[in-house]
Amino acid sequence: MSLQELQDQITKLKRDIEGLTQAYYSNNFSSHQDFNKESFFNYRLKVPNYSTLPTTCEVGEIVENDGKLNICVTANTWAIVGNQS
């Protein structure tokens, strides 16, 4: 094989790999980014008020129940935020 033929093969392989990579990652990803900084709100944060805690929840959900702020700490598990009496 000539040098040009080898170079053409390499170029074709690179295109094939790129195509496979795009096919794999196309709509096939999840991502998140954490920021370890303080956040200040210049507006109201509206929290739903329930007479009883919902039986199901996703981690991070916040609700008010019986005048106390609750957060979902693991799937379907609520905890009172801070030292509320």
N, C-alpha and C. Protein backbone atom coordinates (compact mmCIF):
# COMPACT_ATOMS: atom_id res chain seq x y z
N MET A 1 0.83 -1.18 0.00
CA MET A 1 0.00 0.00 0.00
C MET A 1 0.87 1.24 0.00
N SER A 2 0.38 2.19 -0.71
CA SER A 2 1.13 3.45 -0.76
C SER A 2 0.81 4.28 0.49
N LEU A 3 1.63 5.27 0.71
CA LEU A 3 1.43 6.17 1.85
C LEU A 3 0.08 6.87 1.74
N GLN A 4 -0.31 7.26 0.56
CA GLN A 4 -1.60 7.95 0.36
C GLN A 4 -2.77 7.03 0.69
N GLU A 5 -2.66 5.76 0.30
CA GLU A 5 -3.73 4.81 0.61
C GLU A 5 -3.86 4.60 2.12
N LEU A 6 -2.73 4.51 2.79
CA LEU A 6 -2.75 4.38 4.25
C LEU A 6 -3.38 5.61 4.91
N GLN A 7 -3.01 6.78 4.40
CA GLN A 7 -3.58 8.02 4.93
C GLN A 7 -5.08 8.08 4.69
N ASP A 8 -5.54 7.63 3.53
CA ASP A 8 -6.97 7.59 3.22
C ASP A 8 -7.71 6.64 4.17
N GLN A 9 -7.09 5.50 4.46
CA GLN A 9 -7.69 4.54 5.39
C GLN A 9 -7.81 5.15 6.79
N ILE A 10 -6.77 5.83 7.22
CA ILE A 10 -6.79 6.47 8.55
C ILE A 10 -7.90 7.52 8.60
N THR A 11 -8.02 8.32 7.56
CA THR A 11 -9.06 9.35 7.51
C THR A 11 -10.45 8.72 7.57
N LYS A 12 -10.64 7.62 6.81
CA LYS A 12 -11.93 6.94 6.82
C LYS A 12 -12.22 6.36 8.20
N LEU A 13 -11.25 5.76 8.85
CA LEU A 13 -11.44 5.21 10.19
C LEU A 13 -11.79 6.30 11.19
N LYS A 14 -11.14 7.45 11.07
CA LYS A 14 -11.46 8.58 11.97
C LYS A 14 -12.89 9.03 11.78
N ARG A 15 -13.35 9.09 10.51
CA ARG A 15 -14.75 9.48 10.23
C ARG A 15 -15.71 8.44 10.82
N ASP A 16 -15.38 7.17 10.66
CA ASP A 16 -16.24 6.10 11.19
C ASP A 16 -16.33 6.18 12.71
N ILE A 17 -15.21 6.40 13.36
CA ILE A 17 -15.20 6.52 14.83
C ILE A 17 -16.01 7.72 15.27
N GLU A 18 -15.85 8.83 14.58
CA GLU A 18 -16.62 10.04 14.91
C GLU A 18 -18.12 9.77 14.75
N GLY A 19 -18.49 9.09 13.67
CA GLY A 19 -19.90 8.77 13.45
C GLY A 19 -20.45 7.87 14.55
N LEU A 20 -19.68 6.87 14.95
CA LEU A 20 -20.11 5.98 16.03
C LEU A 20 -20.22 6.73 17.35
N THR A 21 -19.28 7.61 17.62
CA THR A 21 -19.32 8.41 18.85
C THR A 21 -20.56 9.28 18.87
N GLN A 22 -20.86 9.94 17.77
CA GLN A 22 -22.04 10.79 17.72
C GLN A 22 -23.32 9.97 17.85
N ALA A 23 -23.36 8.79 17.25
CA ALA A 23 -24.53 7.94 17.34
C ALA A 23 -24.75 7.48 18.78
N TYR A 24 -23.67 7.18 19.49
CA TYR A 24 -23.77 6.72 20.87
C TYR A 24 -24.23 7.84 21.78
N TYR A 25 -23.66 9.02 21.65
CA TYR A 25 -23.96 10.13 22.55
C TYR A 25 -25.21 10.92 22.16
N SER A 26 -25.73 10.72 20.98
CA SER A 26 -26.92 11.45 20.55
C SER A 26 -28.10 11.06 21.43
N ASN A 27 -28.60 12.03 22.20
CA ASN A 27 -29.72 11.82 23.12
C ASN A 27 -29.48 10.68 24.10
N ASN A 28 -28.26 10.45 24.45
CA ASN A 28 -27.92 9.36 25.36
C ASN A 28 -26.95 9.88 26.42
N PHE A 29 -27.40 10.85 27.19
CA PHE A 29 -26.51 11.42 28.19
C PHE A 29 -27.31 11.96 29.36
N SER A 30 -26.65 12.09 30.47
CA SER A 30 -27.21 12.80 31.61
C SER A 30 -26.04 13.54 32.26
N SER A 31 -26.35 14.65 32.84
CA SER A 31 -25.27 15.46 33.39
C SER A 31 -25.81 16.34 34.49
N HIS A 32 -24.96 16.73 35.38
CA HIS A 32 -25.29 17.73 36.38
C HIS A 32 -24.01 18.44 36.77
N GLN A 33 -24.17 19.61 37.34
CA GLN A 33 -23.01 20.38 37.75
C GLN A 33 -23.31 20.97 39.11
N ASP A 34 -22.40 20.78 40.04
CA ASP A 34 -22.57 21.30 41.39
C ASP A 34 -21.77 22.58 41.56
N PHE A 35 -22.39 23.56 42.21
CA PHE A 35 -21.71 24.81 42.53
C PHE A 35 -21.69 24.95 44.04
N ASN A 36 -20.54 24.94 44.63
CA ASN A 36 -20.42 25.06 46.08
C ASN A 36 -20.28 26.51 46.47
N LYS A 37 -21.33 27.28 46.24
CA LYS A 37 -21.33 28.69 46.57
C LYS A 37 -22.65 29.03 47.23
N GLU A 38 -22.67 30.11 47.97
CA GLU A 38 -23.91 30.56 48.58
C GLU A 38 -24.83 31.13 47.52
N SER A 39 -26.12 30.97 47.76
CA SER A 39 -27.12 31.54 46.85
C SER A 39 -28.01 32.48 47.63
N PHE A 40 -28.27 33.62 47.07
CA PHE A 40 -29.16 34.59 47.68
C PHE A 40 -30.31 34.83 46.72
N PHE A 41 -31.53 34.82 47.26
CA PHE A 41 -32.71 35.02 46.45
C PHE A 41 -33.25 36.42 46.68
N ASN A 42 -33.50 37.14 45.61
CA ASN A 42 -34.11 38.46 45.71
C ASN A 42 -35.60 38.39 45.40
N TYR A 43 -36.16 37.22 45.53
CA TYR A 43 -37.57 37.02 45.28
C TYR A 43 -38.06 35.93 46.21
N ARG A 44 -39.35 35.72 46.23
CA ARG A 44 -39.93 34.72 47.12
C ARG A 44 -39.80 33.33 46.54
N LEU A 45 -39.52 32.41 47.40
CA LEU A 45 -39.50 31.00 47.02
C LEU A 45 -40.81 30.40 47.51
N LYS A 46 -41.65 29.97 46.60
CA LYS A 46 -42.96 29.42 46.97
C LYS A 46 -42.83 27.93 47.23
N VAL A 47 -43.24 27.53 48.42
CA VAL A 47 -43.15 26.14 48.84
C VAL A 47 -44.57 25.61 49.04
N PRO A 48 -44.91 24.48 48.47
CA PRO A 48 -46.25 23.94 48.66
C PRO A 48 -46.52 23.58 50.12
N ASN A 49 -47.77 23.82 50.55
CA ASN A 49 -48.18 23.54 51.92
C ASN A 49 -49.11 22.33 51.90
N TYR A 50 -48.77 21.31 52.69
CA TYR A 50 -49.57 20.10 52.77
C TYR A 50 -50.04 19.89 54.21
N SER A 51 -51.25 19.33 54.37
CA SER A 51 -51.73 19.01 55.71
C SER A 51 -51.06 17.74 56.23
N THR A 52 -50.66 16.86 55.32
CA THR A 52 -49.84 15.69 55.67
C THR A 52 -48.76 15.57 54.60
N LEU A 53 -47.65 15.01 54.97
CA LEU A 53 -46.55 14.85 54.01
C LEU A 53 -46.95 13.88 52.91
N PRO A 54 -46.58 14.17 51.66
CA PRO A 54 -46.85 13.21 50.57
C PRO A 54 -46.14 11.89 50.85
N THR A 55 -46.73 10.80 50.38
CA THR A 55 -46.12 9.48 50.63
C THR A 55 -44.93 9.22 49.73
N THR A 56 -44.87 9.91 48.59
CA THR A 56 -43.73 9.73 47.69
C THR A 56 -43.06 11.07 47.46
N CYS A 57 -41.75 11.03 47.21
CA CYS A 57 -41.02 12.26 46.92
C CYS A 57 -39.72 11.94 46.20
N GLU A 58 -39.18 12.95 45.53
CA GLU A 58 -37.87 12.85 44.90
C GLU A 58 -36.89 13.66 45.72
N VAL A 59 -35.67 13.21 45.78
CA VAL A 59 -34.64 13.88 46.57
C VAL A 59 -34.56 15.35 46.18
N GLY A 60 -34.61 16.23 47.20
CA GLY A 60 -34.50 17.67 46.97
C GLY A 60 -35.83 18.40 47.00
N GLU A 61 -36.94 17.68 46.94
CA GLU A 61 -38.25 18.35 47.02
C GLU A 61 -38.39 19.00 48.38
N ILE A 62 -39.04 20.16 48.41
CA ILE A 62 -39.26 20.90 49.65
C ILE A 62 -40.76 21.15 49.78
N VAL A 63 -41.30 20.89 50.97
CA VAL A 63 -42.71 21.17 51.25
C VAL A 63 -42.83 21.71 52.67
N GLU A 64 -43.97 22.35 52.94
CA GLU A 64 -44.28 22.77 54.30
C GLU A 64 -45.38 21.86 54.82
N ASN A 65 -45.22 21.40 56.04
CA ASN A 65 -46.21 20.55 56.66
C ASN A 65 -46.31 20.94 58.12
N ASP A 66 -47.52 21.29 58.57
CA ASP A 66 -47.75 21.65 59.97
C ASP A 66 -46.83 22.79 60.40
N GLY A 67 -46.58 23.75 59.50
CA GLY A 67 -45.76 24.91 59.83
C GLY A 67 -44.26 24.65 59.83
N LYS A 68 -43.87 23.47 59.43
CA LYS A 68 -42.44 23.12 59.40
C LYS A 68 -42.00 22.86 57.97
N LEU A 69 -40.77 23.25 57.67
CA LEU A 69 -40.19 23.03 56.35
C LEU A 69 -39.59 21.63 56.32
N ASN A 70 -39.96 20.84 55.31
CA ASN A 70 -39.45 19.48 55.16
C ASN A 70 -38.77 19.34 53.81
N ILE A 71 -37.75 18.48 53.77
CA ILE A 71 -37.05 18.21 52.52
C ILE A 71 -36.95 16.70 52.34
N CYS A 72 -37.05 16.27 51.09
CA CYS A 72 -36.93 14.85 50.77
C CYS A 72 -35.43 14.51 50.71
N VAL A 73 -34.98 13.69 51.65
CA VAL A 73 -33.54 13.39 51.74
C VAL A 73 -33.13 12.14 50.98
N THR A 74 -34.01 11.18 50.89
CA THR A 74 -33.84 10.01 50.02
C THR A 74 -35.21 9.70 49.46
N ALA A 75 -35.28 8.87 48.48
CA ALA A 75 -36.57 8.57 47.84
C ALA A 75 -37.62 8.22 48.90
N ASN A 76 -38.71 9.00 48.90
CA ASN A 76 -39.85 8.77 49.78
C ASN A 76 -39.55 8.91 51.26
N THR A 77 -38.52 9.69 51.61
CA THR A 77 -38.16 9.91 53.02
C THR A 77 -38.02 11.41 53.27
N TRP A 78 -38.87 11.93 54.16
CA TRP A 78 -38.88 13.36 54.49
C TRP A 78 -38.11 13.61 55.78
N ALA A 79 -37.48 14.78 55.88
CA ALA A 79 -36.81 15.20 57.11
C ALA A 79 -37.12 16.68 57.34
N ILE A 80 -37.26 17.04 58.61
CA ILE A 80 -37.49 18.44 58.94
C ILE A 80 -36.18 19.18 58.76
N VAL A 81 -36.26 20.37 58.17
CA VAL A 81 -35.07 21.18 57.91
C VAL A 81 -34.69 21.92 59.17
N GLY A 82 -33.43 21.78 59.58
CA GLY A 82 -32.91 22.55 60.72
C GLY A 82 -33.52 22.15 62.05
N ASN A 83 -33.50 23.13 62.98
CA ASN A 83 -33.99 22.91 64.35
C ASN A 83 -35.33 23.60 64.54
N GLN A 84 -36.34 23.22 63.81
CA GLN A 84 -37.66 23.83 63.94
C GLN A 84 -38.42 23.16 65.07
N SER A 85 -39.05 23.99 65.91
CA SER A 85 -39.85 23.39 66.99
C SER A 85 -41.31 23.57 66.73
